PDB file of N, CA and C in Angstrom:
ATOM      1  N   MET A   1     214.339   3.967  65.566  1.00  0.00           N
ATOM      2  CA  MET A   1     214.958   3.018  66.448  1.00  0.00           C
ATOM      3  C   MET A   1     214.245   1.671  66.319  1.00  0.00           C
ATOM      4  N   LYS A   2     215.025   0.598  66.324  1.00  0.00           N
ATOM      5  CA  LYS A   2     214.482  -0.741  66.156  1.00  0.00           C
ATOM      6  C   LYS A   2     213.885  -1.247  67.471  1.00  0.00           C
ATOM      7  N   GLN A   3     212.722  -1.885  67.381  1.00  0.00           N
ATOM      8  CA  GLN A   3     212.053  -2.405  68.563  1.00  0.00           C
ATOM      9  C   GLN A   3     212.343  -3.894  68.687  1.00  0.00           C
ATOM     10  N   ILE A   4     212.674  -4.323  69.901  1.00  0.00           N
ATOM     11  CA  ILE A   4     212.944  -5.738  70.149  1.00  0.00           C
ATOM     12  C   ILE A   4     211.610  -6.441  70.379  1.00  0.00           C
ATOM     13  N   LYS A   5     211.351  -7.484  69.587  1.00  0.00           N
ATOM     14  CA  LYS A   5     210.088  -8.198  69.699  1.00  0.00           C
ATOM     15  C   LYS A   5     210.230  -9.501  70.473  1.00  0.00           C
ATOM     16  N   LYS A   6     211.354 -10.182  70.290  1.00  0.00           N
ATOM     17  CA  LYS A   6     211.590 -11.442  70.990  1.00  0.00           C
ATOM     18  C   LYS A   6     213.035 -11.487  71.456  1.00  0.00           C
ATOM     19  N   ILE A   7     213.261 -12.185  72.558  1.00  0.00           N
ATOM     20  CA  ILE A   7     214.609 -12.400  73.084  1.00  0.00           C
ATOM     21  C   ILE A   7     214.917 -13.891  72.963  1.00  0.00           C
ATOM     22  N   ASP A   8     216.071 -14.210  72.407  1.00  0.00           N
ATOM     23  CA  ASP A   8     216.499 -15.604  72.365  1.00  0.00           C
ATOM     24  C   ASP A   8     216.840 -16.033  73.785  1.00  0.00           C
ATOM     25  N   VAL A   9     216.119 -17.010  74.302  1.00  0.00           N
ATOM     26  CA  VAL A   9     216.242 -17.399  75.703  1.00  0.00           C
ATOM     27  C   VAL A   9     217.652 -17.907  76.005  1.00  0.00           C
ATOM     28  N   ARG A  10     218.198 -18.733  75.152  1.00  0.00           N
ATOM     29  CA  ARG A  10     219.508 -19.326  75.412  1.00  0.00           C
ATOM     30  C   ARG A  10     220.604 -18.262  75.493  1.00  0.00           C
ATOM     31  N   SER A  11     220.621 -17.331  74.562  1.00  0.00           N
ATOM     32  CA  SER A  11     221.667 -16.307  74.575  1.00  0.00           C
ATOM     33  C   SER A  11     221.479 -15.343  75.748  1.00  0.00           C
ATOM     34  N   TYR A  12     220.240 -15.044  76.105  1.00  0.00           N
ATOM     35  CA  TYR A  12     219.981 -14.155  77.236  1.00  0.00           C
ATOM     36  C   TYR A  12     220.407 -14.807  78.555  1.00  0.00           C
ATOM     37  N   VAL A  13     220.112 -16.101  78.685  1.00  0.00           N
ATOM     38  CA  VAL A  13     220.525 -16.826  79.891  1.00  0.00           C
ATOM     39  C   VAL A  13     222.046 -16.883  79.980  1.00  0.00           C
ATOM     40  N   LYS A  14     222.708 -17.138  78.864  1.00  0.00           N
ATOM     41  CA  LYS A  14     224.182 -17.162  78.864  1.00  0.00           C
ATOM     42  C   LYS A  14     224.750 -15.814  79.271  1.00  0.00           C
ATOM     43  N   MET A  15     224.187 -14.752  78.719  1.00  0.00           N
ATOM     44  CA  MET A  15     224.683 -13.415  79.037  1.00  0.00           C
ATOM     45  C   MET A  15     224.506 -13.100  80.523  1.00  0.00           C
ATOM     46  N   LEU A  16     223.336 -13.378  81.077  1.00  0.00           N
ATOM     47  CA  LEU A  16     223.112 -13.094  82.488  1.00  0.00           C
ATOM     48  C   LEU A  16     223.950 -13.995  83.393  1.00  0.00           C
ATOM     49  N   THR A  17     224.236 -15.214  82.964  1.00  0.00           N
ATOM     50  CA  THR A  17     225.105 -16.090  83.743  1.00  0.00           C
ATOM     51  C   THR A  17     226.512 -15.527  83.803  1.00  0.00           C
ATOM     52  N   VAL A  18     227.022 -15.058  82.686  1.00  0.00           N
ATOM     53  CA  VAL A  18     228.366 -14.472  82.657  1.00  0.00           C
ATOM     54  C   VAL A  18     228.411 -13.170  83.457  1.00  0.00           C
ATOM     55  N   VAL A  19     227.388 -12.351  83.329  1.00  0.00           N
ATOM     56  CA  VAL A  19     227.344 -11.097  84.090  1.00  0.00           C
ATOM     57  C   VAL A  19     227.290 -11.390  85.590  1.00  0.00           C
ATOM     58  N   GLY A  20     226.473 -12.345  85.997  1.00  0.00           N
ATOM     59  CA  GLY A  20     226.375 -12.708  87.404  1.00  0.00           C
ATOM     60  C   GLY A  20     227.673 -13.277  87.945  1.00  0.00           C
ATOM     61  N   ALA A  21     228.338 -14.121  87.154  1.00  0.00           N
ATOM     62  CA  ALA A  21     229.612 -14.687  87.589  1.00  0.00           C
ATOM     63  C   ALA A  21     230.691 -13.610  87.680  1.00  0.00           C
ATOM     64  N   SER A  22     230.696 -12.682  86.748  1.00  0.00           N
ATOM     65  CA  SER A  22     231.680 -11.597  86.782  1.00  0.00           C
ATOM     66  C   SER A  22     231.470 -10.699  87.993  1.00  0.00           C
ATOM     67  N   PHE A  23     230.221 -10.347  88.258  1.00  0.00           N
ATOM     68  CA  PHE A  23     229.915  -9.535  89.431  1.00  0.00           C
ATOM     69  C   PHE A  23     230.269 -10.292  90.711  1.00  0.00           C
ATOM     70  N   GLY A  24     229.982 -11.582  90.747  1.00  0.00           N
ATOM     71  CA  GLY A  24     230.325 -12.400  91.908  1.00  0.00           C
ATOM     72  C   GLY A  24     231.827 -12.496  92.114  1.00  0.00           C
ATOM     73  N   LEU A  25     232.588 -12.557  91.019  1.00  0.00           N
ATOM     74  CA  LEU A  25     234.040 -12.602  91.139  1.00  0.00           C
ATOM     75  C   LEU A  25     234.582 -11.308  91.724  1.00  0.00           C
ATOM     76  N   LEU A  26     234.080 -10.190  91.238  1.00  0.00           N
ATOM     77  CA  LEU A  26     234.522  -8.902  91.791  1.00  0.00           C
ATOM     78  C   LEU A  26     234.171  -8.787  93.272  1.00  0.00           C
ATOM     79  N   CYS A  27     232.953  -9.160  93.619  1.00  0.00           N
ATOM     80  CA  CYS A  27     232.548  -9.102  95.026  1.00  0.00           C
ATOM     81  C   CYS A  27     233.333 -10.099  95.870  1.00  0.00           C
ATOM     82  N   GLY A  28     233.598 -11.282  95.329  1.00  0.00           N
ATOM     83  CA  GLY A  28     234.359 -12.288  96.065  1.00  0.00           C
ATOM     84  C   GLY A  28     235.787 -11.856  96.332  1.00  0.00           C
ATOM     85  N   ILE A  29     236.417 -11.228  95.353  1.00  0.00           N
ATOM     86  CA  ILE A  29     237.780 -10.728  95.546  1.00  0.00           C
ATOM     87  C   ILE A  29     237.784  -9.638  96.610  1.00  0.00           C
ATOM     88  N   TYR A  30     236.839  -8.732  96.520  1.00  0.00           N
ATOM     89  CA  TYR A  30     236.752  -7.642  97.497  1.00  0.00           C
ATOM     90  C   TYR A  30     236.510  -8.198  98.901  1.00  0.00           C
ATOM     91  N   TYR A  31     235.560  -9.109  99.028  1.00  0.00           N
ATOM     92  CA  TYR A  31     235.219  -9.680 100.331  1.00  0.00           C
ATOM     93  C   TYR A  31     236.352 -10.557 100.870  1.00  0.00           C
ATOM     94  N   GLY A  32     236.942 -11.375 100.014  1.00  0.00           N
ATOM     95  CA  GLY A  32     238.003 -12.274 100.456  1.00  0.00           C
ATOM     96  C   GLY A  32     239.247 -11.552 100.913  1.00  0.00           C
ATOM     97  N   ILE A  33     239.697 -10.613 100.126  1.00  0.00           N
ATOM     98  CA  ILE A  33     240.910  -9.871 100.495  1.00  0.00           C
ATOM     99  C   ILE A  33     240.630  -8.956 101.678  1.00  0.00           C
ATOM    100  N   GLY A  34     239.478  -8.306 101.670  1.00  0.00           N
ATOM    101  CA  GLY A  34     239.122  -7.446 102.800  1.00  0.00           C
ATOM    102  C   GLY A  34     238.998  -8.227 104.097  1.00  0.00           C
ATOM    103  N   GLY A  35     238.387  -9.395 104.047  1.00  0.00           N
ATOM    104  CA  GLY A  35     238.251 -10.230 105.236  1.00  0.00           C
ATOM    105  C   GLY A  35     239.581 -10.746 105.732  1.00  0.00           C
ATOM    106  N   ALA A  36     240.459 -11.127 104.813  1.00  0.00           N
ATOM    107  CA  ALA A  36     241.776 -11.615 105.215  1.00  0.00           C
ATOM    108  C   ALA A  36     242.610 -10.490 105.842  1.00  0.00           C
ATOM    109  N   ILE A  37     242.541  -9.306 105.280  1.00  0.00           N
ATOM    110  CA  ILE A  37     243.285  -8.169 105.848  1.00  0.00           C
ATOM    111  C   ILE A  37     242.727  -7.816 107.228  1.00  0.00           C
ATOM    112  N   TYR A  38     241.425  -7.816 107.355  1.00  0.00           N
ATOM    113  CA  TYR A  38     240.814  -7.509 108.650  1.00  0.00           C
ATOM    114  C   TYR A  38     241.232  -8.550 109.705  1.00  0.00           C
ATOM    115  N   ASP A  39     241.178  -9.833 109.346  1.00  0.00           N
ATOM    116  CA  ASP A  39     241.589 -10.875 110.282  1.00  0.00           C
ATOM    117  C   ASP A  39     243.066 -10.765 110.637  1.00  0.00           C
ATOM    118  N   TYR A  40     243.885 -10.421 109.670  1.00  0.00           N
ATOM    119  CA  TYR A  40     245.322 -10.306 109.917  1.00  0.00           C
ATOM    120  C   TYR A  40     245.615  -9.246 110.975  1.00  0.00           C
ATOM    121  N   PHE A  41     244.914  -8.136 110.903  1.00  0.00           N
ATOM    122  CA  PHE A  41     245.195  -7.049 111.838  1.00  0.00           C
ATOM    123  C   PHE A  41     244.443  -7.169 113.164  1.00  0.00           C
ATOM    124  N   THR A  42     243.427  -8.005 113.260  1.00  0.00           N
ATOM    125  CA  THR A  42     242.677  -8.114 114.513  1.00  0.00           C
ATOM    126  C   THR A  42     243.014  -9.398 115.272  1.00  0.00           C
ATOM    127  N   THR A  43     242.724 -10.553 114.706  1.00  0.00           N
ATOM    128  CA  THR A  43     242.910 -11.813 115.438  1.00  0.00           C
ATOM    129  C   THR A  43     244.024 -12.676 114.869  1.00  0.00           C
ATOM    130  N   GLY A  44     244.578 -12.295 113.762  1.00  0.00           N
ATOM    131  CA  GLY A  44     245.576 -13.134 113.098  1.00  0.00           C
ATOM    132  C   GLY A  44     244.891 -14.039 112.085  1.00  0.00           C
ATOM    133  N   LEU A  45     245.676 -14.573 111.188  1.00  0.00           N
ATOM    134  CA  LEU A  45     245.114 -15.444 110.155  1.00  0.00           C
ATOM    135  C   LEU A  45     244.699 -16.766 110.781  1.00  0.00           C
ATOM    136  N   ASN A  46     243.467 -17.174 110.523  1.00  0.00           N
ATOM    137  CA  ASN A  46     242.937 -18.403 111.085  1.00  0.00           C
ATOM    138  C   ASN A  46     241.938 -19.017 110.109  1.00  0.00           C
ATOM    139  N   TYR A  47     241.067 -19.873 110.625  1.00  0.00           N
ATOM    140  CA  TYR A  47     240.088 -20.547 109.774  1.00  0.00           C
ATOM    141  C   TYR A  47     239.128 -19.553 109.116  1.00  0.00           C
ATOM    142  N   GLY A  48     238.784 -18.490 109.806  1.00  0.00           N
ATOM    143  CA  GLY A  48     237.905 -17.475 109.238  1.00  0.00           C
ATOM    144  C   GLY A  48     238.520 -16.781 108.040  1.00  0.00           C
ATOM    145  N   SER A  49     239.836 -16.630 108.060  1.00  0.00           N
ATOM    146  CA  SER A  49     240.527 -16.011 106.929  1.00  0.00           C
ATOM    147  C   SER A  49     240.439 -16.911 105.700  1.00  0.00           C
ATOM    148  N   ALA A  50     240.625 -18.203 105.916  1.00  0.00           N
ATOM    149  CA  ALA A  50     240.512 -19.149 104.798  1.00  0.00           C
ATOM    150  C   ALA A  50     239.087 -19.181 104.272  1.00  0.00           C
ATOM    151  N   LEU A  51     238.135 -19.094 105.177  1.00  0.00           N
ATOM    152  CA  LEU A  51     236.737 -19.079 104.771  1.00  0.00           C
ATOM    153  C   LEU A  51     236.414 -17.825 103.960  1.00  0.00           C
ATOM    154  N   ALA A  52     236.985 -16.690 104.344  1.00  0.00           N
ATOM    155  CA  ALA A  52     236.773 -15.448 103.591  1.00  0.00           C
ATOM    156  C   ALA A  52     237.397 -15.550 102.203  1.00  0.00           C
ATOM    157  N   LEU A  53     238.556 -16.174 102.101  1.00  0.00           N
ATOM    158  CA  LEU A  53     239.192 -16.316 100.786  1.00  0.00           C
ATOM    159  C   LEU A  53     238.459 -17.323  99.902  1.00  0.00           C
ATOM    160  N   MET A  54     237.719 -18.244 100.506  1.00  0.00           N
ATOM    161  CA  MET A  54     236.941 -19.188  99.704  1.00  0.00           C
ATOM    162  C   MET A  54     235.755 -18.503  99.025  1.00  0.00           C
ATOM    163  N   ALA A  55     235.465 -17.269  99.444  1.00  0.00           N
ATOM    164  CA  ALA A  55     234.404 -16.503  98.790  1.00  0.00           C
ATOM    165  C   ALA A  55     234.767 -16.180  97.346  1.00  0.00           C
ATOM    166  N   VAL A  56     236.056 -16.182  97.031  1.00  0.00           N
ATOM    167  CA  VAL A  56     236.490 -15.915  95.656  1.00  0.00           C
ATOM    168  C   VAL A  56     235.987 -17.027  94.734  1.00  0.00           C
ATOM    169  N   VAL A  57     235.799 -18.218  95.266  1.00  0.00           N
ATOM    170  CA  VAL A  57     235.277 -19.329  94.470  1.00  0.00           C
ATOM    171  C   VAL A  57     233.755 -19.402  94.565  1.00  0.00           C
ATOM    172  N   ALA A  58     233.228 -19.191  95.762  1.00  0.00           N
ATOM    173  CA  ALA A  58     231.799 -19.405  95.986  1.00  0.00           C
ATOM    174  C   ALA A  58     230.926 -18.303  95.397  1.00  0.00           C
ATOM    175  N   MET A  59     231.347 -17.054  95.522  1.00  0.00           N
ATOM    176  CA  MET A  59     230.486 -15.952  95.063  1.00  0.00           C
ATOM    177  C   MET A  59     230.267 -15.942  93.543  1.00  0.00           C
ATOM    178  N   PRO A  60     231.274 -16.252  92.723  1.00  0.00           N
ATOM    179  CA  PRO A  60     230.961 -16.341  91.283  1.00  0.00           C
ATOM    180  C   PRO A  60     229.991 -17.472  90.958  1.00  0.00           C
ATOM    181  N   ALA A  61     230.100 -18.593  91.679  1.00  0.00           N
ATOM    182  CA  ALA A  61     229.178 -19.695  91.438  1.00  0.00           C
ATOM    183  C   ALA A  61     227.750 -19.297  91.818  1.00  0.00           C
ATOM    184  N   ILE A  62     227.610 -18.622  92.935  1.00  0.00           N
ATOM    185  CA  ILE A  62     226.288 -18.168  93.364  1.00  0.00           C
ATOM    186  C   ILE A  62     225.735 -17.124  92.388  1.00  0.00           C
ATOM    187  N   GLY A  63     226.592 -16.198  91.962  1.00  0.00           N
ATOM    188  CA  GLY A  63     226.163 -15.192  90.999  1.00  0.00           C
ATOM    189  C   GLY A  63     225.755 -15.787  89.666  1.00  0.00           C
ATOM    190  N   ALA A  64     226.496 -16.794  89.213  1.00  0.00           N
ATOM    191  CA  ALA A  64     226.158 -17.453  87.951  1.00  0.00           C
ATOM    192  C   ALA A  64     224.825 -18.183  88.067  1.00  0.00           C
ATOM    193  N   CYS A  65     224.590 -18.857  89.175  1.00  0.00           N
ATOM    194  CA  CYS A  65     223.314 -19.557  89.372  1.00  0.00           C
ATOM    195  C   CYS A  65     222.148 -18.572  89.423  1.00  0.00           C
ATOM    196  N   CYS A  66     222.339 -17.465  90.110  1.00  0.00           N
ATOM    197  CA  CYS A  66     221.277 -16.451  90.181  1.00  0.00           C
ATOM    198  C   CYS A  66     221.001 -15.845  88.805  1.00  0.00           C
ATOM    199  N   GLY A  67     222.055 -15.556  88.053  1.00  0.00           N
ATOM    200  CA  GLY A  67     221.879 -15.030  86.702  1.00  0.00           C
ATOM    201  C   GLY A  67     221.167 -16.008  85.796  1.00  0.00           C
ATOM    202  N   PHE A  68     221.478 -17.284  85.951  1.00  0.00           N
ATOM    203  CA  PHE A  68     220.834 -18.327  85.156  1.00  0.00           C
ATOM    204  C   PHE A  68     219.334 -18.376  85.442  1.00  0.00           C
ATOM    205  N   VAL A  69     218.984 -18.377  86.729  1.00  0.00           N
ATOM    206  CA  VAL A  69     217.577 -18.462  87.109  1.00  0.00           C
ATOM    207  C   VAL A  69     216.819 -17.203  86.670  1.00  0.00           C
ATOM    208  N   VAL A  70     217.421 -16.039  86.871  1.00  0.00           N
ATOM    209  CA  VAL A  70     216.765 -14.792  86.466  1.00  0.00           C
ATOM    210  C   VAL A  70     216.558 -14.775  84.952  1.00  0.00           C
ATOM    211  N   GLY A  71     217.540 -15.241  84.200  1.00  0.00           N
ATOM    212  CA  GLY A  71     217.407 -15.296  82.747  1.00  0.00           C
ATOM    213  C   GLY A  71     216.306 -16.234  82.308  1.00  0.00           C
ATOM    214  N   LEU A  72     216.185 -17.368  83.015  1.00  0.00           N
ATOM    215  CA  LEU A  72     215.135 -18.322  82.673  1.00  0.00           C
ATOM    216  C   LEU A  72     213.737 -17.785  82.989  1.00  0.00           C
ATOM    217  N   VAL A  73     213.649 -16.856  83.904  1.00  0.00           N
ATOM    218  CA  VAL A  73     212.351 -16.275  84.249  1.00  0.00           C
ATOM    219  C   VAL A  73     212.034 -15.076  83.349  1.00  0.00           C
ATOM    220  N   ILE A  74     213.023 -14.199  83.138  1.00  0.00           N
ATOM    221  CA  ILE A  74     212.768 -12.929  82.446  1.00  0.00           C
ATOM    222  C   ILE A  74     212.535 -13.110  80.952  1.00  0.00           C
ATOM    223  N   ALA A  75     213.354 -13.908  80.275  1.00  0.00           N
ATOM    224  CA  ALA A  75     213.237 -14.030  78.815  1.00  0.00           C
ATOM    225  C   ALA A  75     211.887 -14.591  78.373  1.00  0.00           C
ATOM    226  N   PRO A  76     211.412 -15.691  78.921  1.00  0.00           N
ATOM    227  CA  PRO A  76     210.078 -16.165  78.495  1.00  0.00           C
ATOM    228  C   PRO A  76     208.964 -15.183  78.882  1.00  0.00           C
ATOM    229  N   THR A  77     209.132 -14.510  80.014  1.00  0.00           N
ATOM    230  CA  THR A  77     208.129 -13.509  80.425  1.00  0.00           C
ATOM    231  C   THR A  77     208.065 -12.372  79.418  1.00  0.00           C
ATOM    232  N   TYR A  78     209.233 -11.920  78.968  1.00  0.00           N
ATOM    233  CA  TYR A  78     209.280 -10.836  77.976  1.00  0.00           C
ATOM    234  C   TYR A  78     208.675 -11.320  76.657  1.00  0.00           C
ATOM    235  N   ASN A  79     209.007 -12.543  76.262  1.00  0.00           N
ATOM    236  CA  ASN A  79     208.493 -13.061  74.989  1.00  0.00           C
ATOM    237  C   ASN A  79     206.985 -13.295  75.033  1.00  0.00           C
ATOM    238  N   ALA A  80     206.445 -13.585  76.207  1.00  0.00           N
ATOM    239  CA  ALA A  80     205.005 -13.832  76.318  1.00  0.00           C
ATOM    240  C   ALA A  80     204.200 -12.539  76.245  1.00  0.00           C
ATOM    241  N   ALA A  81     204.828 -11.447  76.635  1.00  0.00           N
ATOM    242  CA  ALA A  81     204.087 -10.174  76.656  1.00  0.00           C
ATOM    243  C   ALA A  81     203.895  -9.600  75.270  1.00  0.00           C
TER     244      ALA A  81
END
């Protein structure tokens, strides 16, 4: 089996950014639709429902930023060891 000696920082950061954004999109869709359905059946559609649906945009951005930062920390740490 081949041993990995170095990780290309740029490609690793890109990969983790895409993974974080994808995970954030899935979570945002789940949270947004779930929140809107819950509001519809309890209090009716209102500002909170719109705020829950805005999670579809915000959560991928947050996930991408977190993936970017984690990639910037992990890849150089791995290469230094």
